């Protein structure tokens, strides 16, 4: 887990769901994540992780989405 900020989407295991609590990051990165439909209160299901660990595939708002671990690190979940 990431120090000091709680559980992130990167920490969620395959087959588990989580609810987005907050987005960290600045400007364009935060906007990019929000444009993909990941906003506060959204449920995210982790479907699978690539063989080398990056990217991760999630289901959000009924569609599949691939996220880099660096992007997932900016999504705090609960």
N, C-alpha and C. Protein backbone atom coordinates (compact mmCIF):
# COMPACT_ATOMS: atom_id res chain seq x y z
N UNK A 1 0.83 -1.19 0.00
CA UNK A 1 0.00 0.00 0.00
C UNK A 1 0.87 1.25 0.00
N UNK A 2 0.31 2.30 -0.51
CA UNK A 2 1.04 3.55 -0.59
C UNK A 2 1.07 4.22 0.77
N UNK A 3 2.22 4.73 1.13
CA UNK A 3 2.36 5.38 2.43
C UNK A 3 1.53 6.66 2.52
N UNK A 4 0.79 6.78 3.61
CA UNK A 4 0.15 8.04 3.92
C UNK A 4 -1.11 8.38 3.17
N UNK A 5 -1.44 7.67 2.09
CA UNK A 5 -2.65 8.09 1.40
C UNK A 5 -3.74 7.03 1.37
N UNK A 6 -3.51 5.84 1.86
CA UNK A 6 -4.54 4.82 1.90
C UNK A 6 -4.46 3.91 0.70
N UNK A 7 -5.51 3.15 0.50
CA UNK A 7 -5.56 2.14 -0.56
C UNK A 7 -5.85 2.79 -1.91
N UNK A 8 -5.07 2.41 -2.91
CA UNK A 8 -5.29 2.91 -4.26
C UNK A 8 -5.80 1.79 -5.15
N UNK A 9 -6.27 2.13 -6.33
CA UNK A 9 -6.75 1.13 -7.28
C UNK A 9 -5.64 0.13 -7.61
N UNK A 10 -4.41 0.56 -7.55
CA UNK A 10 -3.27 -0.32 -7.81
C UNK A 10 -3.20 -1.47 -6.79
N UNK A 11 -3.72 -1.26 -5.58
CA UNK A 11 -3.68 -2.26 -4.51
C UNK A 11 -4.83 -3.26 -4.56
N UNK A 12 -5.84 -3.02 -5.38
CA UNK A 12 -7.01 -3.90 -5.45
C UNK A 12 -6.63 -5.16 -6.22
N UNK A 13 -7.03 -6.30 -5.68
CA UNK A 13 -6.68 -7.58 -6.30
C UNK A 13 -7.62 -7.95 -7.44
N UNK A 14 -7.17 -8.85 -8.29
CA UNK A 14 -7.98 -9.34 -9.41
C UNK A 14 -9.25 -9.98 -8.85
N UNK A 15 -10.39 -9.64 -9.46
CA UNK A 15 -11.67 -10.19 -9.04
C UNK A 15 -12.36 -9.39 -7.94
N UNK A 16 -11.74 -8.33 -7.48
CA UNK A 16 -12.34 -7.51 -6.42
C UNK A 16 -12.85 -6.19 -7.00
N UNK A 17 -13.83 -5.64 -6.31
CA UNK A 17 -14.37 -4.33 -6.67
C UNK A 17 -14.00 -3.32 -5.60
N UNK A 18 -14.01 -2.06 -6.00
CA UNK A 18 -13.74 -0.97 -5.06
C UNK A 18 -14.49 0.26 -5.53
N UNK A 19 -14.75 1.15 -4.61
CA UNK A 19 -15.42 2.41 -4.92
C UNK A 19 -14.41 3.54 -4.85
N UNK A 20 -14.41 4.39 -5.88
CA UNK A 20 -13.49 5.51 -5.93
C UNK A 20 -13.86 6.51 -4.83
N UNK A 21 -12.88 6.87 -4.02
CA UNK A 21 -13.10 7.84 -2.94
C UNK A 21 -12.56 9.22 -3.31
N UNK A 22 -11.40 9.25 -4.00
CA UNK A 22 -10.79 10.53 -4.34
C UNK A 22 -9.76 10.32 -5.44
N UNK A 23 -9.57 11.34 -6.24
CA UNK A 23 -8.52 11.33 -7.26
C UNK A 23 -7.42 12.27 -6.82
N UNK A 24 -6.18 11.80 -6.92
CA UNK A 24 -5.05 12.66 -6.65
C UNK A 24 -4.41 13.02 -7.99
N UNK A 25 -3.29 13.66 -7.96
CA UNK A 25 -2.66 14.06 -9.22
C UNK A 25 -3.09 15.47 -9.58
N UNK A 26 -2.45 15.99 -10.59
CA UNK A 26 -2.67 17.38 -10.98
C UNK A 26 -3.11 17.50 -12.43
N UNK A 27 -3.81 18.57 -12.72
CA UNK A 27 -4.14 19.01 -14.07
C UNK A 27 -4.52 17.95 -15.07
N UNK A 28 -3.68 17.79 -16.09
CA UNK A 28 -3.99 16.93 -17.23
C UNK A 28 -4.18 15.47 -16.83
N UNK A 29 -3.39 14.97 -15.89
CA UNK A 29 -3.51 13.58 -15.46
C UNK A 29 -4.86 13.34 -14.80
N UNK A 30 -5.25 14.23 -13.89
CA UNK A 30 -6.53 14.10 -13.21
C UNK A 30 -7.68 14.21 -14.21
N UNK A 31 -7.59 15.14 -15.13
CA UNK A 31 -8.62 15.33 -16.17
C UNK A 31 -8.72 14.08 -17.04
N UNK A 32 -7.58 13.48 -17.39
CA UNK A 32 -7.55 12.27 -18.22
C UNK A 32 -8.29 11.13 -17.52
N UNK A 33 -8.03 10.95 -16.23
CA UNK A 33 -8.70 9.89 -15.46
C UNK A 33 -10.21 10.15 -15.40
N UNK A 34 -10.60 11.38 -15.17
CA UNK A 34 -12.02 11.72 -15.11
C UNK A 34 -12.69 11.55 -16.47
N UNK A 35 -11.98 11.87 -17.55
CA UNK A 35 -12.53 11.70 -18.90
C UNK A 35 -12.81 10.24 -19.23
N UNK A 36 -12.09 9.33 -18.58
CA UNK A 36 -12.31 7.89 -18.79
C UNK A 36 -13.50 7.38 -17.99
N UNK A 37 -14.14 8.25 -17.21
CA UNK A 37 -15.33 7.87 -16.46
C UNK A 37 -15.06 7.49 -15.02
N UNK A 38 -13.83 7.67 -14.57
CA UNK A 38 -13.49 7.33 -13.19
C UNK A 38 -13.61 8.60 -12.35
N UNK A 39 -14.70 8.67 -11.60
CA UNK A 39 -14.96 9.83 -10.75
C UNK A 39 -15.34 9.35 -9.36
N UNK A 40 -15.39 10.26 -8.41
CA UNK A 40 -15.73 9.92 -7.02
C UNK A 40 -17.07 9.20 -6.97
N UNK A 41 -17.10 8.09 -6.22
CA UNK A 41 -18.32 7.32 -6.06
C UNK A 41 -18.53 6.23 -7.09
N UNK A 42 -17.68 6.15 -8.11
CA UNK A 42 -17.80 5.15 -9.16
C UNK A 42 -17.26 3.81 -8.67
N UNK A 43 -17.99 2.72 -8.98
CA UNK A 43 -17.51 1.38 -8.66
C UNK A 43 -16.60 0.89 -9.78
N UNK A 44 -15.48 0.28 -9.39
CA UNK A 44 -14.50 -0.23 -10.35
C UNK A 44 -14.21 -1.68 -10.01
N UNK A 45 -14.26 -2.57 -11.01
CA UNK A 45 -13.98 -3.99 -10.84
C UNK A 45 -12.67 -4.31 -11.55
N UNK A 46 -11.71 -4.90 -10.85
CA UNK A 46 -10.43 -5.26 -11.46
C UNK A 46 -10.58 -6.63 -12.13
N UNK A 47 -10.49 -6.65 -13.47
CA UNK A 47 -10.68 -7.87 -14.24
C UNK A 47 -9.42 -8.70 -14.35
N UNK A 48 -8.32 -8.07 -14.75
CA UNK A 48 -7.07 -8.81 -14.90
C UNK A 48 -5.89 -7.86 -14.94
N UNK A 49 -4.71 -8.46 -14.80
CA UNK A 49 -3.46 -7.70 -14.84
C UNK A 49 -2.59 -8.35 -15.91
N UNK A 50 -1.92 -7.54 -16.72
CA UNK A 50 -1.04 -8.05 -17.76
C UNK A 50 0.07 -8.92 -17.14
N UNK A 51 0.61 -9.86 -17.90
CA UNK A 51 1.63 -10.78 -17.37
C UNK A 51 2.81 -10.08 -16.67
N UNK A 52 3.23 -8.94 -17.14
CA UNK A 52 4.34 -8.24 -16.51
C UNK A 52 3.87 -7.23 -15.47
N UNK A 53 2.55 -7.24 -15.18
CA UNK A 53 2.02 -6.40 -14.12
C UNK A 53 1.51 -5.04 -14.54
N UNK A 54 1.70 -4.66 -15.78
CA UNK A 54 1.26 -3.34 -16.23
C UNK A 54 0.85 -3.44 -17.69
N UNK A 55 -0.32 -3.06 -18.11
CA UNK A 55 -1.37 -2.35 -17.37
C UNK A 55 -2.32 -3.31 -16.64
N UNK A 56 -3.29 -2.71 -15.95
CA UNK A 56 -4.37 -3.49 -15.34
C UNK A 56 -5.64 -3.20 -16.12
N UNK A 57 -6.51 -4.21 -16.20
CA UNK A 57 -7.77 -4.04 -16.91
C UNK A 57 -8.90 -4.00 -15.90
N UNK A 58 -9.72 -2.96 -15.99
CA UNK A 58 -10.83 -2.78 -15.06
C UNK A 58 -12.14 -2.62 -15.83
N UNK A 59 -13.23 -2.87 -15.14
CA UNK A 59 -14.55 -2.58 -15.69
C UNK A 59 -15.10 -1.40 -14.90
N UNK A 60 -15.48 -0.36 -15.62
CA UNK A 60 -16.02 0.84 -15.00
C UNK A 60 -17.18 1.34 -15.87
N UNK A 61 -18.31 1.60 -15.24
CA UNK A 61 -19.51 2.10 -15.94
C UNK A 61 -19.91 1.22 -17.13
N UNK A 62 -19.69 -0.11 -16.99
CA UNK A 62 -20.12 -1.06 -18.01
C UNK A 62 -19.17 -1.27 -19.17
N UNK A 63 -17.99 -0.72 -19.13
CA UNK A 63 -17.02 -0.97 -20.20
C UNK A 63 -15.65 -1.30 -19.63
N UNK A 64 -14.84 -1.97 -20.46
CA UNK A 64 -13.50 -2.36 -20.03
C UNK A 64 -12.52 -1.24 -20.34
N UNK A 65 -11.58 -1.07 -19.43
CA UNK A 65 -10.61 0.01 -19.54
C UNK A 65 -9.26 -0.48 -19.06
N UNK A 66 -8.21 -0.16 -19.78
CA UNK A 66 -6.86 -0.49 -19.33
C UNK A 66 -6.21 0.75 -18.75
N UNK A 67 -5.59 0.57 -17.59
CA UNK A 67 -4.92 1.67 -16.90
C UNK A 67 -3.48 1.30 -16.58
N UNK A 68 -2.60 2.24 -16.74
CA UNK A 68 -1.23 2.03 -16.28
C UNK A 68 -1.23 2.04 -14.77
N UNK A 69 -0.26 1.34 -14.17
CA UNK A 69 -0.16 1.35 -12.71
C UNK A 69 0.06 2.77 -12.20
N UNK A 70 0.79 3.58 -12.95
CA UNK A 70 1.04 4.96 -12.52
C UNK A 70 -0.26 5.76 -12.47
N UNK A 71 -1.22 5.44 -13.36
CA UNK A 71 -2.52 6.10 -13.32
C UNK A 71 -3.35 5.57 -12.15
N UNK A 72 -3.34 4.24 -11.96
CA UNK A 72 -4.09 3.61 -10.88
C UNK A 72 -3.63 4.10 -9.51
N UNK A 73 -2.37 4.49 -9.41
CA UNK A 73 -1.80 4.98 -8.16
C UNK A 73 -2.48 6.28 -7.71
N UNK A 74 -3.07 7.00 -8.65
CA UNK A 74 -3.72 8.28 -8.35
C UNK A 74 -5.21 8.16 -8.03
N UNK A 75 -5.70 6.92 -7.94
CA UNK A 75 -7.12 6.69 -7.68
C UNK A 75 -7.27 6.03 -6.31
N UNK A 76 -7.69 6.81 -5.32
CA UNK A 76 -7.89 6.30 -3.97
C UNK A 76 -9.24 5.62 -3.88
N UNK A 77 -9.26 4.42 -3.31
CA UNK A 77 -10.49 3.63 -3.24
C UNK A 77 -10.78 3.23 -1.81
N UNK A 78 -12.00 2.77 -1.59
CA UNK A 78 -12.41 2.30 -0.27
C UNK A 78 -13.30 1.11 -0.39
